[in-house]
Amino acid sequence: LRCFLATFYHNCLPKSTEVVCLASTVVTFTSIVQILGFLGKNGWHVAIYVLWWICAGLSILAIMGIPYVFTQINPPSIAGVLPNAQLPLEEALTAAATCGSLCTNGYWSCEIRVPVILVSYLLLGIAILLAFILDALFLGRLYNQTKDKRAKESKSQALNFAYQIMVLAGPWGKGSARLTCLGKAVLDGTFSPYNSGTMLTSEVAFAVGYSSIFASIFFWGTAIFCCMLCDIPLGILVEDVYSIKVGN
């Protein structure tokens, strides 16, 4: 354990890219759980339920721990914040996606769906808030550039930068799909067995479900904006690079 922690501290923490890529392992594990949920038989539903809670715990650890490293241990400065800083958000959204997919397909009973759905909404709230903040920082950097500075960049640097901008669309596109799945799961009568208190009633389920679906349209619009922000300059750069290679 000491060798592992020492290696992690000296080799990974100083590199922001290495730190954010740690979230990819959790995304992979969550995707495996989702596939098991689709392919497993009825006897798997308890195991998948337990595995999903493990995924949720790992998601919270990633989405809280990695920003903590950036803010308290190894701050990269605003100029060093890249779009790959949103990878931990992808993990939280993937966990919410697994919940929405399994609940929509009727894989779990209504009694055990409710806590999973509520935690998924919490994960979405954390991820979308951080997406707002990181997008604002990154777009602020884009607006802060000068024409002379952009002219000094090589074609390969500009192309790599354009590819990185693609990551900005990830949380919004995923968030849109996840809100749609969760909204459908709530509208399927998930709260009916409870039907008590202030939140867990059929009337609230109706409002929450359709509000989620409406919000997913809003998020989808933001994802389209991020894609267009990337695709237009990317197409121009690819055409320029291709023209140079053909000319040579």
C-alpha atoms as a PDB file:
ATOM      1  CA  LEU A   1       0.000   0.000   0.000  1.00  0.00           C
ATOM      2  CA  ARG A   2       2.829   2.392   0.835  1.00  0.00           C
ATOM      3  CA  CYS A   3       4.561   1.690  -2.497  1.00  0.00           C
ATOM      4  CA  PHE A   4       1.316   2.300  -4.355  1.00  0.00           C
ATOM      5  CA  LEU A   5       0.570   5.550  -2.522  1.00  0.00           C
ATOM      6  CA  ALA A   6       4.150   6.785  -2.933  1.00  0.00           C
ATOM      7  CA  THR A   7       4.052   6.074  -6.675  1.00  0.00           C
ATOM      8  CA  PHE A   8       0.671   7.758  -6.978  1.00  0.00           C
ATOM      9  CA  TYR A   9       1.819  10.816  -5.021  1.00  0.00           C
ATOM     10  CA  HIS A  10       5.029  11.366  -6.979  1.00  0.00           C
ATOM     11  CA  ASN A  11       3.921  10.340 -10.482  1.00  0.00           C
ATOM     12  CA  CYS A  12       0.186  11.010 -10.749  1.00  0.00           C
ATOM     13  CA  LEU A  13      -0.649  13.969  -8.516  1.00  0.00           C
ATOM     14  CA  PRO A  14       1.710  16.439 -10.241  1.00  0.00           C
ATOM     15  CA  LYS A  15       0.068  15.670 -13.619  1.00  0.00           C
ATOM     16  CA  SER A  16      -3.504  16.894 -13.973  1.00  0.00           C
ATOM     17  CA  THR A  17      -4.181  14.614 -16.953  1.00  0.00           C
ATOM     18  CA  GLU A  18      -3.144  11.524 -14.975  1.00  0.00           C
ATOM     19  CA  VAL A  19      -5.418  12.544 -12.100  1.00  0.00           C
ATOM     20  CA  VAL A  20      -8.553  13.090 -14.189  1.00  0.00           C
ATOM     21  CA  CYS A  21      -7.984   9.866 -16.140  1.00  0.00           C
ATOM     22  CA  LEU A  22      -8.413   7.928 -12.893  1.00  0.00           C
ATOM     23  CA  ALA A  23     -12.138   8.504 -13.392  1.00  0.00           C
ATOM     24  CA  SER A  24     -11.998   6.396 -16.562  1.00  0.00           C
ATOM     25  CA  THR A  25     -11.543   3.213 -14.531  1.00  0.00           C
ATOM     26  CA  VAL A  26     -14.748   3.944 -12.627  1.00  0.00           C
ATOM     27  CA  VAL A  27     -16.578   4.682 -15.895  1.00  0.00           C
ATOM     28  CA  THR A  28     -15.446   1.299 -17.221  1.00  0.00           C
ATOM     29  CA  PHE A  29     -16.626  -0.514 -14.095  1.00  0.00           C
ATOM     30  CA  THR A  30     -20.010   1.228 -14.238  1.00  0.00           C
ATOM     31  CA  SER A  31     -20.405   0.318 -17.920  1.00  0.00           C
ATOM     32  CA  ILE A  32     -19.699  -3.330 -17.086  1.00  0.00           C
ATOM     33  CA  VAL A  33     -22.384  -3.234 -14.395  1.00  0.00           C
ATOM     34  CA  GLN A  34     -24.838  -1.780 -16.906  1.00  0.00           C
ATOM     35  CA  ILE A  35     -24.091  -4.536 -19.434  1.00  0.00           C
ATOM     36  CA  LEU A  36     -24.522  -7.182 -16.728  1.00  0.00           C
ATOM     37  CA  GLY A  37     -27.882  -5.645 -15.907  1.00  0.00           C
ATOM     38  CA  PHE A  38     -29.040  -5.998 -19.502  1.00  0.00           C
ATOM     39  CA  LEU A  39     -27.647  -9.495 -20.070  1.00  0.00           C
ATOM     40  CA  GLY A  40     -28.208 -11.015 -16.631  1.00  0.00           C
ATOM     41  CA  LYS A  41     -31.289 -13.011 -15.773  1.00  0.00           C
ATOM     42  CA  ASN A  42     -33.757 -12.284 -12.988  1.00  0.00           C
ATOM     43  CA  GLY A  43     -31.456 -13.829 -10.416  1.00  0.00           C
ATOM     44  CA  TRP A  44     -28.933 -11.064 -11.024  1.00  0.00           C
ATOM     45  CA  HIS A  45     -31.087  -8.142  -9.950  1.00  0.00           C
ATOM     46  CA  VAL A  46     -29.882  -8.146  -6.319  1.00  0.00           C
ATOM     47  CA  ALA A  47     -26.225  -8.410  -7.342  1.00  0.00           C
ATOM     48  CA  ILE A  48     -26.644  -5.598  -9.884  1.00  0.00           C
ATOM     49  CA  TYR A  49     -28.368  -3.495  -7.236  1.00  0.00           C
ATOM     50  CA  VAL A  50     -25.410  -3.905  -4.862  1.00  0.00           C
ATOM     51  CA  LEU A  51     -22.905  -3.261  -7.651  1.00  0.00           C
ATOM     52  CA  TRP A  52     -24.738  -0.084  -8.613  1.00  0.00           C
ATOM     53  CA  TRP A  53     -24.369   1.267  -5.082  1.00  0.00           C
ATOM     54  CA  ILE A  54     -20.645   0.515  -5.292  1.00  0.00           C
ATOM     55  CA  CYS A  55     -20.565   2.466  -8.564  1.00  0.00           C
ATOM     56  CA  ALA A  56     -22.395   5.350  -6.907  1.00  0.00           C
ATOM     57  CA  GLY A  57     -19.873   5.397  -4.055  1.00  0.00           C
ATOM     58  CA  LEU A  58     -16.945   5.380  -6.475  1.00  0.00           C
ATOM     59  CA  SER A  59     -18.617   8.135  -8.496  1.00  0.00           C
ATOM     60  CA  ILE A  60     -18.951  10.350  -5.432  1.00  0.00           C
ATOM     61  CA  LEU A  61     -15.338   9.612  -4.507  1.00  0.00           C
ATOM     62  CA  ALA A  62     -14.158  10.601  -8.006  1.00  0.00           C
ATOM     63  CA  ILE A  63     -16.324  13.673  -8.410  1.00  0.00           C
ATOM     64  CA  MET A  64     -15.357  14.984  -4.960  1.00  0.00           C
ATOM     65  CA  GLY A  65     -11.768  13.729  -4.734  1.00  0.00           C
ATOM     66  CA  ILE A  66     -10.414  14.850  -8.107  1.00  0.00           C
ATOM     67  CA  PRO A  67     -11.632  18.476  -7.769  1.00  0.00           C
ATOM     68  CA  TYR A  68     -10.168  18.424  -4.249  1.00  0.00           C
ATOM     69  CA  VAL A  69      -6.773  17.518  -5.724  1.00  0.00           C
ATOM     70  CA  PHE A  70      -7.082  20.396  -8.200  1.00  0.00           C
ATOM     71  CA  THR A  71      -8.090  22.952  -5.577  1.00  0.00           C
ATOM     72  CA  GLN A  72      -6.075  21.932  -2.517  1.00  0.00           C
ATOM     73  CA  ILE A  73      -3.116  19.697  -3.435  1.00  0.00           C
ATOM     74  CA  ASN A  74      -1.974  20.554  -6.957  1.00  0.00           C
ATOM     75  CA  PRO A  75      -3.813  23.606  -8.373  1.00  0.00           C
ATOM     76  CA  PRO A  76      -3.261  23.773 -12.162  1.00  0.00           C
ATOM     77  CA  SER A  77      -4.273  27.488 -12.407  1.00  0.00           C
ATOM     78  CA  ILE A  78      -7.102  28.627 -14.666  1.00  0.00           C
ATOM     79  CA  ALA A  79      -4.772  28.638 -17.663  1.00  0.00           C
ATOM     80  CA  GLY A  80      -4.008  24.967 -17.022  1.00  0.00           C
ATOM     81  CA  VAL A  81      -7.628  23.789 -16.789  1.00  0.00           C
ATOM     82  CA  LEU A  82      -8.399  21.640 -19.829  1.00  0.00           C
ATOM     83  CA  PRO A  83     -11.722  20.126 -20.925  1.00  0.00           C
ATOM     84  CA  ASN A  84     -10.517  16.717 -19.696  1.00  0.00           C
ATOM     85  CA  ALA A  85     -11.217  18.024 -16.178  1.00  0.00           C
ATOM     86  CA  GLN A  86     -14.818  17.030 -16.923  1.00  0.00           C
ATOM     87  CA  LEU A  87     -14.040  13.302 -16.960  1.00  0.00           C
ATOM     88  CA  PRO A  88     -15.103  12.870 -13.288  1.00  0.00           C
ATOM     89  CA  LEU A  89     -18.466  14.339 -14.270  1.00  0.00           C
ATOM     90  CA  GLU A  90     -18.811  11.641 -16.921  1.00  0.00           C
ATOM     91  CA  GLU A  91     -18.525   9.019 -14.193  1.00  0.00           C
ATOM     92  CA  ALA A  92     -21.378  10.489 -12.153  1.00  0.00           C
ATOM     93  CA  LEU A  93     -23.523  10.741 -15.282  1.00  0.00           C
ATOM     94  CA  THR A  94     -22.701   7.155 -16.273  1.00  0.00           C
ATOM     95  CA  ALA A  95     -23.884   5.916 -12.865  1.00  0.00           C
ATOM     96  CA  ALA A  96     -27.107   7.902 -13.299  1.00  0.00           C
ATOM     97  CA  ALA A  97     -27.461   6.457 -16.805  1.00  0.00           C
ATOM     98  CA  THR A  98     -27.208   2.915 -15.474  1.00  0.00           C
ATOM     99  CA  CYS A  99     -29.929   3.667 -12.951  1.00  0.00           C
ATOM    100  CA  GLY A 100     -32.216   5.239 -15.538  1.00  0.00           C
ATOM    101  CA  SER A 101     -31.784   2.403 -18.028  1.00  0.00           C
ATOM    102  CA  LEU A 102     -32.394  -0.382 -15.521  1.00  0.00           C
ATOM    103  CA  CYS A 103     -35.358   1.370 -13.916  1.00  0.00           C
ATOM    104  CA  THR A 104     -36.965   2.193 -17.270  1.00  0.00           C
ATOM    105  CA  ASN A 105     -36.711  -1.443 -18.381  1.00  0.00           C
ATOM    106  CA  GLY A 106     -38.449  -2.627 -15.223  1.00  0.00           C
ATOM    107  CA  TYR A 107     -35.371  -4.497 -14.031  1.00  0.00           C
ATOM    108  CA  TRP A 108     -35.892  -3.518 -10.376  1.00  0.00           C
ATOM    109  CA  SER A 109     -39.089  -3.425  -8.371  1.00  0.00           C
ATOM    110  CA  CYS A 110     -40.611  -0.066  -7.457  1.00  0.00           C
ATOM    111  CA  GLU A 111     -39.687  -0.496  -3.785  1.00  0.00           C
ATOM    112  CA  ILE A 112     -35.951  -0.463  -4.449  1.00  0.00           C
ATOM    113  CA  ARG A 113     -36.009   1.986  -7.358  1.00  0.00           C
ATOM    114  CA  VAL A 114     -36.790   5.078  -5.274  1.00  0.00           C
ATOM    115  CA  PRO A 115     -33.492   5.428  -3.331  1.00  0.00           C
ATOM    116  CA  VAL A 116     -31.526   4.683  -6.505  1.00  0.00           C
ATOM    117  CA  ILE A 117     -33.416   7.350  -8.467  1.00  0.00           C
ATOM    118  CA  LEU A 118     -33.008   9.951  -5.714  1.00  0.00           C
ATOM    119  CA  VAL A 119     -29.247   9.349  -5.514  1.00  0.00           C
ATOM    120  CA  SER A 120     -29.029   9.541  -9.319  1.00  0.00           C
ATOM    121  CA  TYR A 121     -30.652  12.976  -9.241  1.00  0.00           C
ATOM    122  CA  LEU A 122     -28.098  14.028  -6.614  1.00  0.00           C
ATOM    123  CA  LEU A 123     -25.254  12.816  -8.853  1.00  0.00           C
ATOM    124  CA  LEU A 124     -26.738  14.746 -11.762  1.00  0.00           C
ATOM    125  CA  GLY A 125     -26.926  17.874  -9.618  1.00  0.00           C
ATOM    126  CA  ILE A 126     -23.250  17.655  -8.681  1.00  0.00           C
ATOM    127  CA  ALA A 127     -22.137  16.934 -12.246  1.00  0.00           C
ATOM    128  CA  ILE A 128     -24.187  19.667 -13.912  1.00  0.00           C
ATOM    129  CA  LEU A 129     -23.066  22.295 -11.388  1.00  0.00           C
ATOM    130  CA  LEU A 130     -19.409  21.474 -12.018  1.00  0.00           C
ATOM    131  CA  ALA A 131     -20.055  21.417 -15.771  1.00  0.00           C
ATOM    132  CA  PHE A 132     -21.393  24.981 -15.566  1.00  0.00           C
ATOM    133  CA  ILE A 133     -18.306  26.122 -13.649  1.00  0.00           C
ATOM    134  CA  LEU A 134     -15.739  24.358 -15.841  1.00  0.00           C
ATOM    135  CA  ASP A 135     -17.420  25.464 -19.070  1.00  0.00           C
ATOM    136  CA  ALA A 136     -17.420  29.069 -17.843  1.00  0.00           C
ATOM    137  CA  LEU A 137     -13.707  28.867 -17.021  1.00  0.00           C
ATOM    138  CA  PHE A 138     -12.806  27.293 -20.332  1.00  0.00           C
ATOM    139  CA  LEU A 139     -14.924  29.641 -22.447  1.00  0.00           C
ATOM    140  CA  GLY A 140     -13.435  32.551 -20.499  1.00  0.00           C
ATOM    141  CA  ARG A 141     -10.000  31.359 -21.601  1.00  0.00           C
ATOM    142  CA  LEU A 142     -11.175  31.220 -25.214  1.00  0.00           C
ATOM    143  CA  TYR A 143     -12.526  34.770 -25.051  1.00  0.00           C
ATOM    144  CA  ASN A 144      -9.327  35.954 -23.382  1.00  0.00           C
ATOM    145  CA  GLN A 145      -7.153  34.914 -26.334  1.00  0.00           C
ATOM    146  CA  THR A 146      -5.768  37.466 -28.737  1.00  0.00           C
ATOM    147  CA  LYS A 147      -5.516  37.230 -32.499  1.00  0.00           C
ATOM    148  CA  ASP A 148      -1.719  37.434 -32.365  1.00  0.00           C
ATOM    149  CA  LYS A 149      -1.544  34.560 -29.891  1.00  0.00           C
ATOM    150  CA  ARG A 150      -3.747  32.368 -32.083  1.00  0.00           C
ATOM    151  CA  ALA A 151      -1.626  33.213 -35.129  1.00  0.00           C
ATOM    152  CA  LYS A 152       1.493  31.899 -33.379  1.00  0.00           C
ATOM    153  CA  GLU A 153      -0.077  28.461 -32.823  1.00  0.00           C
ATOM    154  CA  SER A 154       0.849  25.692 -35.205  1.00  0.00           C
ATOM    155  CA  LYS A 155      -1.831  23.769 -37.083  1.00  0.00           C
ATOM    156  CA  SER A 156      -1.250  20.655 -34.974  1.00  0.00           C
ATOM    157  CA  GLN A 157      -1.608  22.616 -31.719  1.00  0.00           C
ATOM    158  CA  ALA A 158      -4.826  24.221 -32.918  1.00  0.00           C
ATOM    159  CA  LEU A 159      -6.131  20.825 -34.057  1.00  0.00           C
ATOM    160  CA  ASN A 160      -5.369  19.199 -30.696  1.00  0.00           C
ATOM    161  CA  PHE A 161      -7.065  22.091 -28.930  1.00  0.00           C
ATOM    162  CA  ALA A 162     -10.172  21.707 -31.121  1.00  0.00           C
ATOM    163  CA  TYR A 163     -10.350  17.994 -30.309  1.00  0.00           C
ATOM    164  CA  GLN A 164     -10.223  18.829 -26.597  1.00  0.00           C
ATOM    165  CA  ILE A 165     -13.223  21.138 -26.948  1.00  0.00           C
ATOM    166  CA  MET A 166     -15.295  18.067 -27.910  1.00  0.00           C
ATOM    167  CA  VAL A 167     -15.246  17.010 -24.259  1.00  0.00           C
ATOM    168  CA  LEU A 168     -17.369  20.052 -23.369  1.00  0.00           C
ATOM    169  CA  ALA A 169     -20.420  18.482 -25.015  1.00  0.00           C
ATOM    170  CA  GLY A 170     -20.116  15.276 -22.976  1.00  0.00           C
ATOM    171  CA  PRO A 171     -21.790  16.242 -19.679  1.00  0.00           C
ATOM    172  CA  TRP A 172     -24.626  18.083 -21.421  1.00  0.00           C
ATOM    173  CA  GLY A 173     -25.384  15.344 -23.917  1.00  0.00           C
ATOM    174  CA  LYS A 174     -25.185  12.627 -21.294  1.00  0.00           C
ATOM    175  CA  GLY A 175     -27.121  14.721 -18.790  1.00  0.00           C
ATOM    176  CA  SER A 176     -29.918  15.167 -21.330  1.00  0.00           C
ATOM    177  CA  ALA A 177     -30.228  11.431 -21.962  1.00  0.00           C
ATOM    178  CA  ARG A 178     -30.026  10.618 -18.244  1.00  0.00           C
ATOM    179  CA  LEU A 179     -32.731  13.100 -17.300  1.00  0.00           C
ATOM    180  CA  THR A 180     -34.996  11.598 -19.956  1.00  0.00           C
ATOM    181  CA  CYS A 181     -34.452   8.075 -18.602  1.00  0.00           C
ATOM    182  CA  LEU A 182     -34.960   9.151 -14.994  1.00  0.00           C
ATOM    183  CA  GLY A 183     -38.069  11.129 -15.930  1.00  0.00           C
ATOM    184  CA  LYS A 184     -39.575   8.092 -17.655  1.00  0.00           C
ATOM    185  CA  ALA A 185     -38.691   5.900 -14.671  1.00  0.00           C
ATOM    186  CA  VAL A 186     -40.476   8.288 -12.308  1.00  0.00           C
ATOM    187  CA  LEU A 187     -43.540   8.458 -14.577  1.00  0.00           C
ATOM    188  CA  ASP A 188     -43.740   4.651 -14.674  1.00  0.00           C
ATOM    189  CA  GLY A 189     -45.256   4.663 -11.194  1.00  0.00           C
ATOM    190  CA  THR A 190     -42.087   4.301  -9.162  1.00  0.00           C
ATOM    191  CA  PHE A 191     -43.480   6.373  -6.280  1.00  0.00           C
ATOM    192  CA  SER A 192     -46.853   4.584  -6.233  1.00  0.00           C
ATOM    193  CA  PRO A 193     -45.980   1.923  -3.599  1.00  0.00           C
ATOM    194  CA  TYR A 194     -44.940   4.695  -1.190  1.00  0.00           C
ATOM    195  CA  ASN A 195     -47.483   7.461  -1.916  1.00  0.00           C
ATOM    196  CA  SER A 196     -46.700   9.208   1.359  1.00  0.00           C
ATOM    197  CA  GLY A 197     -44.959  12.288   2.660  1.00  0.00           C
ATOM    198  CA  THR A 198     -44.253  15.371   0.593  1.00  0.00           C
ATOM    199  CA  MET A 199     -42.055  14.004  -2.191  1.00  0.00           C
ATOM    200  CA  LEU A 200     -43.020  10.372  -2.698  1.00  0.00           C
ATOM    201  CA  THR A 201     -46.513  10.892  -4.097  1.00  0.00           C
ATOM    202  CA  SER A 202     -48.080  10.365  -7.501  1.00  0.00           C
ATOM    203  CA  GLU A 203     -48.662  14.111  -7.953  1.00  0.00           C
ATOM    204  CA  VAL A 204     -45.008  14.913  -7.302  1.00  0.00           C
ATOM    205  CA  ALA A 205     -43.927  12.058  -9.586  1.00  0.00           C
ATOM    206  CA  PHE A 206     -45.932  13.613 -12.424  1.00  0.00           C
ATOM    207  CA  ALA A 207     -44.253  17.003 -11.940  1.00  0.00           C
ATOM    208  CA  VAL A 208     -40.746  15.575 -11.470  1.00  0.00           C
ATOM    209  CA  GLY A 209     -41.007  13.272 -14.470  1.00  0.00           C
ATOM    210  CA  TYR A 210     -42.113  15.876 -16.989  1.00  0.00           C
ATOM    211  CA  SER A 211     -39.793  18.527 -15.536  1.00  0.00           C
ATOM    212  CA  SER A 212     -36.882  16.142 -16.064  1.00  0.00           C
ATOM    213  CA  ILE A 213     -37.874  15.501 -19.664  1.00  0.00           C
ATOM    214  CA  PHE A 214     -38.244  19.242 -20.306  1.00  0.00           C
ATOM    215  CA  ALA A 215     -34.854  19.964 -18.686  1.00  0.00           C
ATOM    216  CA  SER A 216     -33.292  17.298 -20.905  1.00  0.00           C
ATOM    217  CA  ILE A 217     -34.262  19.386 -23.955  1.00  0.00           C
ATOM    218  CA  PHE A 218     -32.490  22.388 -22.413  1.00  0.00           C
ATOM    219  CA  PHE A 219     -29.348  20.329 -21.795  1.00  0.00           C
ATOM    220  CA  TRP A 220     -29.494  18.937 -25.315  1.00  0.00           C
ATOM    221  CA  GLY A 221     -29.463  22.475 -26.691  1.00  0.00           C
ATOM    222  CA  THR A 222     -26.342  23.241 -24.668  1.00  0.00           C
ATOM    223  CA  ALA A 223     -24.709  20.073 -26.008  1.00  0.00           C
ATOM    224  CA  ILE A 224     -25.490  21.158 -29.583  1.00  0.00           C
ATOM    225  CA  PHE A 225     -23.859  24.533 -28.911  1.00  0.00           C
ATOM    226  CA  CYS A 226     -20.698  22.843 -27.596  1.00  0.00           C
ATOM    227  CA  CYS A 227     -20.595  20.523 -30.614  1.00  0.00           C
ATOM    228  CA  MET A 228     -20.949  23.414 -33.043  1.00  0.00           C
ATOM    229  CA  LEU A 229     -18.289  25.367 -31.150  1.00  0.00           C
ATOM    230  CA  CYS A 230     -15.945  22.457 -31.823  1.00  0.00           C
ATOM    231  CA  ASP A 231     -17.063  21.216 -35.246  1.00  0.00           C
ATOM    232  CA  ILE A 232     -16.852  24.503 -37.155  1.00  0.00           C
ATOM    233  CA  PRO A 233     -13.196  25.320 -36.367  1.00  0.00           C
ATOM    234  CA  LEU A 234     -12.323  21.618 -36.468  1.00  0.00           C
ATOM    235  CA  GLY A 235     -13.655  21.288 -40.006  1.00  0.00           C
ATOM    236  CA  ILE A 236     -11.683  24.333 -41.126  1.00  0.00           C
ATOM    237  CA  LEU A 237      -8.484  23.058 -39.491  1.00  0.00           C
ATOM    238  CA  VAL A 238      -8.837  19.547 -40.914  1.00  0.00           C
ATOM    239  CA  GLU A 239      -9.382  20.991 -44.386  1.00  0.00           C
ATOM    240  CA  ASP A 240      -6.297  23.213 -44.036  1.00  0.00           C
ATOM    241  CA  VAL A 241      -4.105  20.358 -42.784  1.00  0.00           C
ATOM    242  CA  TYR A 242      -5.375  18.043 -45.528  1.00  0.00           C
ATOM    243  CA  SER A 243      -4.731  20.716 -48.176  1.00  0.00           C
ATOM    244  CA  ILE A 244      -1.167  21.190 -46.931  1.00  0.00           C
ATOM    245  CA  LYS A 245      -0.486  17.432 -47.032  1.00  0.00           C
ATOM    246  CA  VAL A 246      -1.961  17.077 -50.517  1.00  0.00           C
ATOM    247  CA  GLY A 247       0.036  20.070 -51.719  1.00  0.00           C
ATOM    248  CA  ASN A 248       3.250  18.547 -50.409  1.00  0.00           C
END
